[in-house]
């Protein structure tokens, strides 16, 4: 019996030209390269240029993913964009991308789950495809997160950067087994009772301003390791697979300590963990597709590999997704 699978057929990414190193940051806020590296594993991050919008980053990544998939752009019938930093309050930044691609059909919308956004968006695309709502979806995670930062707060401004990643996901057929190419399972969660642990202190309805990121770092770390590990276990249990079956683990690039602790907790060897946090910092919804694309381009991820994605962000939101590339 055949089953519909959502298959990743193309990926792309984009990082702004400007690179801000830890040394550069030390001239802006009281910090040092050693302090940042020891606590986060981050050495540099990319910062969008003045006038460079989230939609600009997203378009670059989208075009790269479409070229990689080798499809006609007109085949895209759904655009789902994960972002916390839209160009405007409305319309959805996905519609700006849609226009930039020359498309006037299908559906285009944003979703907001902060750092978990791309895992959420990819899960939605999978649901649309399996329901017959979509045949070719463009899924994007893009952020100009630097514009939410308080550059006097060294506990947050050292963590984040800007960037975009995208995937083309297309309907295909499988046998309904774990050997199929495509998304095998996904599990999403949130707990709004913890929203004050990581948030932005502004918005259209509350202050009428954009606001800045505020975070209780220790609480975020504690919940991240536990919640992410549990979500990963869910994906493995749902498929009957084990940690040893995973070829690559592509986590949200929050900071190296969280990634190391999560891998250790689930018993995954460090050499199977894709890490880009040193060069990109935390790019929120863009971090998972950026890391995935990097591992594809350097030859680590190969066709047929079993890849585990995970993320956790403000809300709290978190989730895992298992796919065979």
Protein backbone atom coordinates (compact mmCIF):
# COMPACT_ATOMS: atom_id res chain seq x y z
CA UNK A 1 0.00 0.00 0.00
CA UNK A 2 1.50 3.33 -1.04
CA UNK A 3 1.51 6.38 1.16
CA UNK A 4 2.04 10.08 0.47
CA UNK A 5 5.37 11.41 1.69
CA UNK A 6 6.67 14.98 1.88
CA UNK A 7 10.11 14.85 0.30
CA UNK A 8 12.78 17.54 0.61
CA UNK A 9 13.90 18.11 -2.97
CA UNK A 10 15.86 21.34 -2.62
CA UNK A 11 17.53 23.52 0.00
CA UNK A 12 19.04 26.98 0.06
CA UNK A 13 20.38 29.53 2.49
CA UNK A 14 21.54 33.11 2.75
CA UNK A 15 23.64 35.06 5.24
CA UNK A 16 24.08 38.85 5.18
CA UNK A 17 27.52 40.07 4.13
CA UNK A 18 28.37 41.84 7.37
CA UNK A 19 30.05 39.63 9.96
CA UNK A 20 30.19 40.75 13.58
CA UNK A 21 32.87 38.92 15.59
CA UNK A 22 33.11 38.63 19.35
CA UNK A 23 35.91 41.18 19.20
CA UNK A 24 33.57 43.59 17.41
CA UNK A 25 30.96 43.05 20.11
CA UNK A 26 33.46 43.81 22.85
CA UNK A 27 33.59 47.37 21.48
CA UNK A 28 29.81 47.71 21.80
CA UNK A 29 29.06 46.06 25.14
CA UNK A 30 31.14 44.97 28.14
CA UNK A 31 32.18 41.47 27.11
CA UNK A 32 35.12 39.46 25.75
CA UNK A 33 35.69 36.78 23.15
CA UNK A 34 36.60 34.31 25.92
CA UNK A 35 33.41 35.08 27.89
CA UNK A 36 31.14 34.58 24.86
CA UNK A 37 32.96 31.50 23.56
CA UNK A 38 33.00 29.74 26.92
CA UNK A 39 29.28 30.26 27.55
CA UNK A 40 27.87 29.89 24.04
CA UNK A 41 30.41 28.52 21.58
CA UNK A 42 29.67 31.49 19.32
CA UNK A 43 32.58 33.24 17.58
CA UNK A 44 30.72 35.41 15.05
CA UNK A 45 27.32 36.17 13.59
CA UNK A 46 25.95 37.86 10.45
CA UNK A 47 24.08 41.17 10.69
CA UNK A 48 21.67 42.47 8.05
CA UNK A 49 22.64 45.74 6.37
CA UNK A 50 20.61 48.88 6.86
CA UNK A 51 17.59 48.60 4.58
CA UNK A 52 18.04 44.85 4.14
CA UNK A 53 14.72 43.25 5.13
CA UNK A 54 13.73 39.80 6.30
CA UNK A 55 11.99 39.29 2.94
CA UNK A 56 15.27 40.09 1.14
CA UNK A 57 17.09 37.36 3.05
CA UNK A 58 14.19 34.97 2.50
CA UNK A 59 14.12 35.60 -1.25
CA UNK A 60 17.82 34.79 -1.60
CA UNK A 61 17.36 31.50 0.28
CA UNK A 62 14.14 30.67 -1.59
CA UNK A 63 15.70 31.17 -5.02
CA UNK A 64 18.64 28.97 -4.02
CA UNK A 65 16.30 26.21 -2.82
CA UNK A 66 14.20 26.38 -6.00
CA UNK A 67 17.33 26.16 -8.16
CA UNK A 68 18.57 23.23 -6.08
CA UNK A 69 15.26 21.43 -6.53
CA UNK A 70 15.43 22.02 -10.28
CA UNK A 71 11.76 22.97 -10.53
CA UNK A 72 9.86 25.73 -12.29
CA UNK A 73 8.93 28.37 -9.72
CA UNK A 74 5.33 28.19 -10.96
CA UNK A 75 5.06 24.68 -9.48
CA UNK A 76 5.07 26.17 -5.97
CA UNK A 77 1.54 26.22 -4.59
CA UNK A 78 2.26 26.99 -0.92
CA UNK A 79 4.73 29.29 0.81
CA UNK A 80 5.06 28.95 4.57
CA UNK A 81 7.43 31.35 6.24
CA UNK A 82 8.60 31.10 9.84
CA UNK A 83 9.75 34.44 11.23
CA UNK A 84 9.66 36.53 14.39
CA UNK A 85 10.86 39.60 12.51
CA UNK A 86 8.40 40.26 9.67
CA UNK A 87 8.88 43.22 7.34
CA UNK A 88 5.57 44.67 8.46
CA UNK A 89 2.87 43.91 11.01
CA UNK A 90 0.91 42.89 7.92
CA UNK A 91 0.77 41.61 5.26
CA UNK A 92 2.59 38.36 5.87
CA UNK A 93 6.21 38.51 4.74
CA UNK A 94 5.53 35.29 2.83
CA UNK A 95 3.36 37.31 0.43
CA UNK A 96 6.30 39.65 -0.24
CA UNK A 97 8.39 36.59 -1.08
CA UNK A 98 5.56 35.29 -3.25
CA UNK A 99 5.52 38.57 -5.17
CA UNK A 100 9.31 38.57 -5.47
CA UNK A 101 9.16 35.13 -7.03
CA UNK A 102 6.56 36.31 -9.53
CA UNK A 103 3.81 34.09 -8.15
CA UNK A 104 0.13 35.00 -8.03
CA UNK A 105 -1.44 31.69 -7.10
CA UNK A 106 -1.60 29.32 -4.14
CA UNK A 107 -1.31 30.25 -0.47
CA UNK A 108 1.38 32.26 1.30
CA UNK A 109 1.43 32.91 5.02
CA UNK A 110 3.71 33.43 8.03
CA UNK A 111 3.83 31.39 11.21
CA UNK A 112 5.34 32.55 14.49
CA UNK A 113 6.87 30.06 16.90
CA UNK A 114 10.16 31.92 17.39
CA UNK A 115 13.15 29.53 17.29
CA UNK A 116 10.86 26.52 16.76
CA UNK A 117 9.30 28.24 13.77
CA UNK A 118 10.93 26.22 11.00
CA UNK A 119 10.09 22.87 12.58
CA UNK A 120 6.51 24.10 12.97
CA UNK A 121 6.40 25.35 9.36
CA UNK A 122 7.83 22.13 7.96
CA UNK A 123 5.27 20.13 9.94
CA UNK A 124 2.46 22.28 8.54
CA UNK A 125 3.78 21.75 5.00
CA UNK A 126 3.86 18.00 5.61
CA UNK A 127 0.26 18.09 6.85
CA UNK A 128 -0.86 20.09 3.79
CA UNK A 129 0.88 17.68 1.43
CA UNK A 130 -0.50 14.54 3.06
CA UNK A 131 -3.99 16.08 3.05
CA UNK A 132 -3.73 16.88 -0.66
CA UNK A 133 -3.83 20.64 -0.02
CA UNK A 134 -0.36 21.14 -1.53
CA UNK A 135 1.94 19.37 -3.95
CA UNK A 136 4.98 21.66 -3.84
CA UNK A 137 5.63 23.77 -0.77
CA UNK A 138 8.34 26.33 -0.18
CA UNK A 139 9.20 26.43 3.52
CA UNK A 140 11.35 29.31 4.77
CA UNK A 141 12.89 30.35 8.07
CA UNK A 142 14.18 33.93 7.94
CA UNK A 143 15.12 36.49 10.58
CA UNK A 144 16.62 39.92 11.04
CA UNK A 145 16.79 39.16 14.74
CA UNK A 146 19.48 41.77 15.38
CA UNK A 147 16.71 44.39 15.23
CA UNK A 148 15.13 42.98 18.39
CA UNK A 149 18.31 43.21 20.45
CA UNK A 150 19.17 45.51 23.31
CA UNK A 151 22.82 46.17 22.52
CA UNK A 152 23.49 47.12 26.16
CA UNK A 153 22.41 43.68 27.42
CA UNK A 154 25.37 41.34 27.06
CA UNK A 155 23.33 38.30 28.11
CA UNK A 156 21.24 38.49 24.93
CA UNK A 157 22.94 40.64 22.29
CA UNK A 158 25.90 38.24 22.02
CA UNK A 159 23.66 35.30 21.11
CA UNK A 160 21.74 36.23 18.00
CA UNK A 161 22.35 36.83 14.32
CA UNK A 162 20.49 37.21 11.03
CA UNK A 163 19.99 34.79 8.15
CA UNK A 164 17.57 32.69 6.12
CA UNK A 165 17.18 29.08 5.06
CA UNK A 166 14.64 27.40 2.81
CA UNK A 167 13.45 23.99 1.66
CA UNK A 168 11.34 22.88 -1.27
CA UNK A 169 9.11 20.03 -0.12
CA UNK A 170 7.19 17.99 -2.69
CA UNK A 171 4.61 15.24 -2.60
CA UNK A 172 5.95 11.80 -3.39
CA UNK A 173 5.05 8.18 -2.85
CA UNK A 174 6.41 5.72 -0.34
CA UNK A 175 5.65 2.29 1.03
CA UNK A 176 4.71 3.64 4.44
CA UNK A 177 7.88 2.36 6.07
CA UNK A 178 10.87 4.03 7.72
CA UNK A 179 12.84 3.37 4.55
CA UNK A 180 10.74 5.93 2.64
CA UNK A 181 12.27 9.23 1.62
CA UNK A 182 10.54 12.20 3.19
CA UNK A 183 9.16 13.29 6.54
CA UNK A 184 8.50 10.25 8.72
CA UNK A 185 7.10 11.89 11.85
CA UNK A 186 6.86 15.24 13.64
CA UNK A 187 5.90 16.28 17.17
CA UNK A 188 5.11 19.84 18.26
CA UNK A 189 4.59 21.28 21.74
CA UNK A 190 4.14 24.54 23.60
CA UNK A 191 3.64 25.70 27.19
CA UNK A 192 2.44 29.28 27.42
CA UNK A 193 2.80 29.29 31.20
CA UNK A 194 6.54 29.79 30.61
CA UNK A 195 6.23 32.65 28.13
CA UNK A 196 7.87 35.18 30.48
CA UNK A 197 11.14 33.22 30.48
CA UNK A 198 11.93 34.34 26.92
CA UNK A 199 10.02 37.15 25.25
CA UNK A 200 10.12 40.57 23.58
CA UNK A 201 8.91 43.44 25.75
CA UNK A 202 6.83 45.15 23.08
CA UNK A 203 4.32 44.72 20.30
CA UNK A 204 1.51 46.42 18.34
CA UNK A 205 -1.21 45.65 20.90
CA UNK A 206 0.80 46.23 24.08
CA UNK A 207 3.29 49.06 23.65
CA UNK A 208 2.99 50.00 20.00
CA UNK A 209 6.74 49.50 19.72
CA UNK A 210 8.95 46.64 18.54
CA UNK A 211 10.60 46.01 21.93
CA UNK A 212 13.70 44.01 22.86
CA UNK A 213 14.49 40.40 23.68
CA UNK A 214 14.40 39.53 27.39
CA UNK A 215 15.51 36.16 28.67
CA UNK A 216 16.06 34.15 31.84
CA UNK A 217 19.02 32.22 30.54
CA UNK A 218 19.28 29.53 33.19
CA UNK A 219 15.59 28.68 32.96
CA UNK A 220 15.72 28.52 29.18
CA UNK A 221 18.74 26.20 29.33
CA UNK A 222 17.10 23.89 31.87
CA UNK A 223 13.83 23.54 30.00
CA UNK A 224 15.53 23.31 26.60
CA UNK A 225 17.59 20.22 27.40
CA UNK A 226 14.68 18.36 29.02
CA UNK A 227 11.97 19.32 26.51
CA UNK A 228 14.09 18.73 23.44
CA UNK A 229 15.21 15.29 24.66
CA UNK A 230 11.60 14.30 25.30
CA UNK A 231 10.50 15.47 21.84
CA UNK A 232 13.32 13.49 20.25
CA UNK A 233 12.26 10.39 22.17
CA UNK A 234 8.72 10.89 20.82
CA UNK A 235 9.95 10.84 17.23
CA UNK A 236 11.99 7.71 17.78
CA UNK A 237 9.18 5.91 19.60
CA UNK A 238 6.68 6.86 16.87
CA UNK A 239 8.84 5.22 14.21
CA UNK A 240 10.31 2.38 16.26
CA UNK A 241 13.79 3.65 15.46
CA UNK A 242 16.69 4.08 17.85
CA UNK A 243 19.38 6.69 18.40
CA UNK A 244 21.86 4.48 16.53
CA UNK A 245 19.70 4.74 13.39
CA UNK A 246 20.14 8.52 13.20
CA UNK A 247 22.73 9.57 10.64
CA UNK A 248 22.64 13.28 11.43
CA UNK A 249 21.19 15.46 14.16
CA UNK A 250 20.41 19.01 12.99
CA UNK A 251 19.34 20.98 16.06
CA UNK A 252 18.32 24.58 16.52
CA UNK A 253 21.60 26.44 16.99
CA UNK A 254 20.85 28.08 20.35
CA UNK A 255 24.25 27.65 21.94
CA UNK A 256 26.87 24.93 22.06
CA UNK A 257 26.25 24.00 25.67
CA UNK A 258 22.60 23.21 24.99
CA UNK A 259 23.52 21.17 21.91
CA UNK A 260 26.21 19.23 23.76
CA UNK A 261 23.92 18.56 26.73
CA UNK A 262 21.04 17.42 24.52
CA UNK A 263 23.22 15.05 22.49
CA UNK A 264 24.66 13.59 25.68
CA UNK A 265 21.23 13.17 27.24
CA UNK A 266 19.90 11.13 24.30
CA UNK A 267 23.16 9.23 23.82
CA UNK A 268 24.07 10.66 20.42
CA UNK A 269 27.78 10.82 19.47
CA UNK A 270 29.01 14.41 19.02
CA UNK A 271 30.32 13.61 15.54
CA UNK A 272 26.71 13.17 14.35
CA UNK A 273 25.65 16.66 15.48
CA UNK A 274 25.62 19.41 12.85
CA UNK A 275 26.80 22.65 14.48
CA UNK A 276 26.94 26.04 12.82
CA UNK A 277 26.43 28.11 15.96
CA UNK A 278 30.09 29.21 16.07
CA UNK A 279 29.76 31.04 12.74
CA UNK A 280 26.07 31.97 12.66
CA UNK A 281 25.04 32.46 16.27
CA UNK A 282 21.37 31.87 17.07
CA UNK A 283 19.37 32.84 13.97
CA UNK A 284 16.05 31.79 15.50
CA UNK A 285 13.70 30.29 12.86
CA UNK A 286 16.50 30.34 10.27
CA UNK A 287 18.95 28.22 12.24
CA UNK A 288 17.70 24.71 11.39
CA UNK A 289 17.47 25.19 7.60
CA UNK A 290 20.80 27.07 7.60
CA UNK A 291 22.51 24.17 9.39
CA UNK A 292 20.79 21.58 7.19
CA UNK A 293 21.88 23.35 4.01
CA UNK A 294 25.45 23.72 5.29
CA UNK A 295 25.68 19.98 6.00
CA UNK A 296 24.30 19.17 2.56
CA UNK A 297 26.67 21.51 0.77
CA UNK A 298 29.76 20.13 2.54
CA UNK A 299 28.74 16.55 1.79
CA UNK A 300 27.86 15.34 5.26
CA UNK A 301 24.16 14.75 4.63
CA UNK A 302 23.60 12.40 1.70
CA UNK A 303 20.53 11.07 -0.03
CA UNK A 304 18.96 8.32 2.06
CA UNK A 305 20.34 9.60 5.37
CA UNK A 306 18.03 9.70 8.38
CA UNK A 307 18.07 13.23 9.77
CA UNK A 308 16.61 14.40 13.07
CA UNK A 309 15.59 18.05 13.42
CA UNK A 310 14.68 19.77 16.68
CA UNK A 311 14.12 23.24 18.06
CA UNK A 312 12.92 25.14 21.09
CA UNK A 313 11.95 28.79 21.34
CA UNK A 314 10.02 31.40 23.25
CA UNK A 315 6.50 30.57 24.22
CA UNK A 316 7.86 28.04 25.21
CA UNK A 317 7.52 26.17 21.92
CA UNK A 318 9.46 23.08 20.95
CA UNK A 319 9.36 20.11 18.63
CA UNK A 320 11.16 17.41 16.66
CA UNK A 321 10.90 16.11 13.13
CA UNK A 322 12.45 13.01 11.60
CA UNK A 323 13.03 12.79 7.86
CA UNK A 324 14.90 10.64 5.41
CA UNK A 325 16.68 12.80 2.90
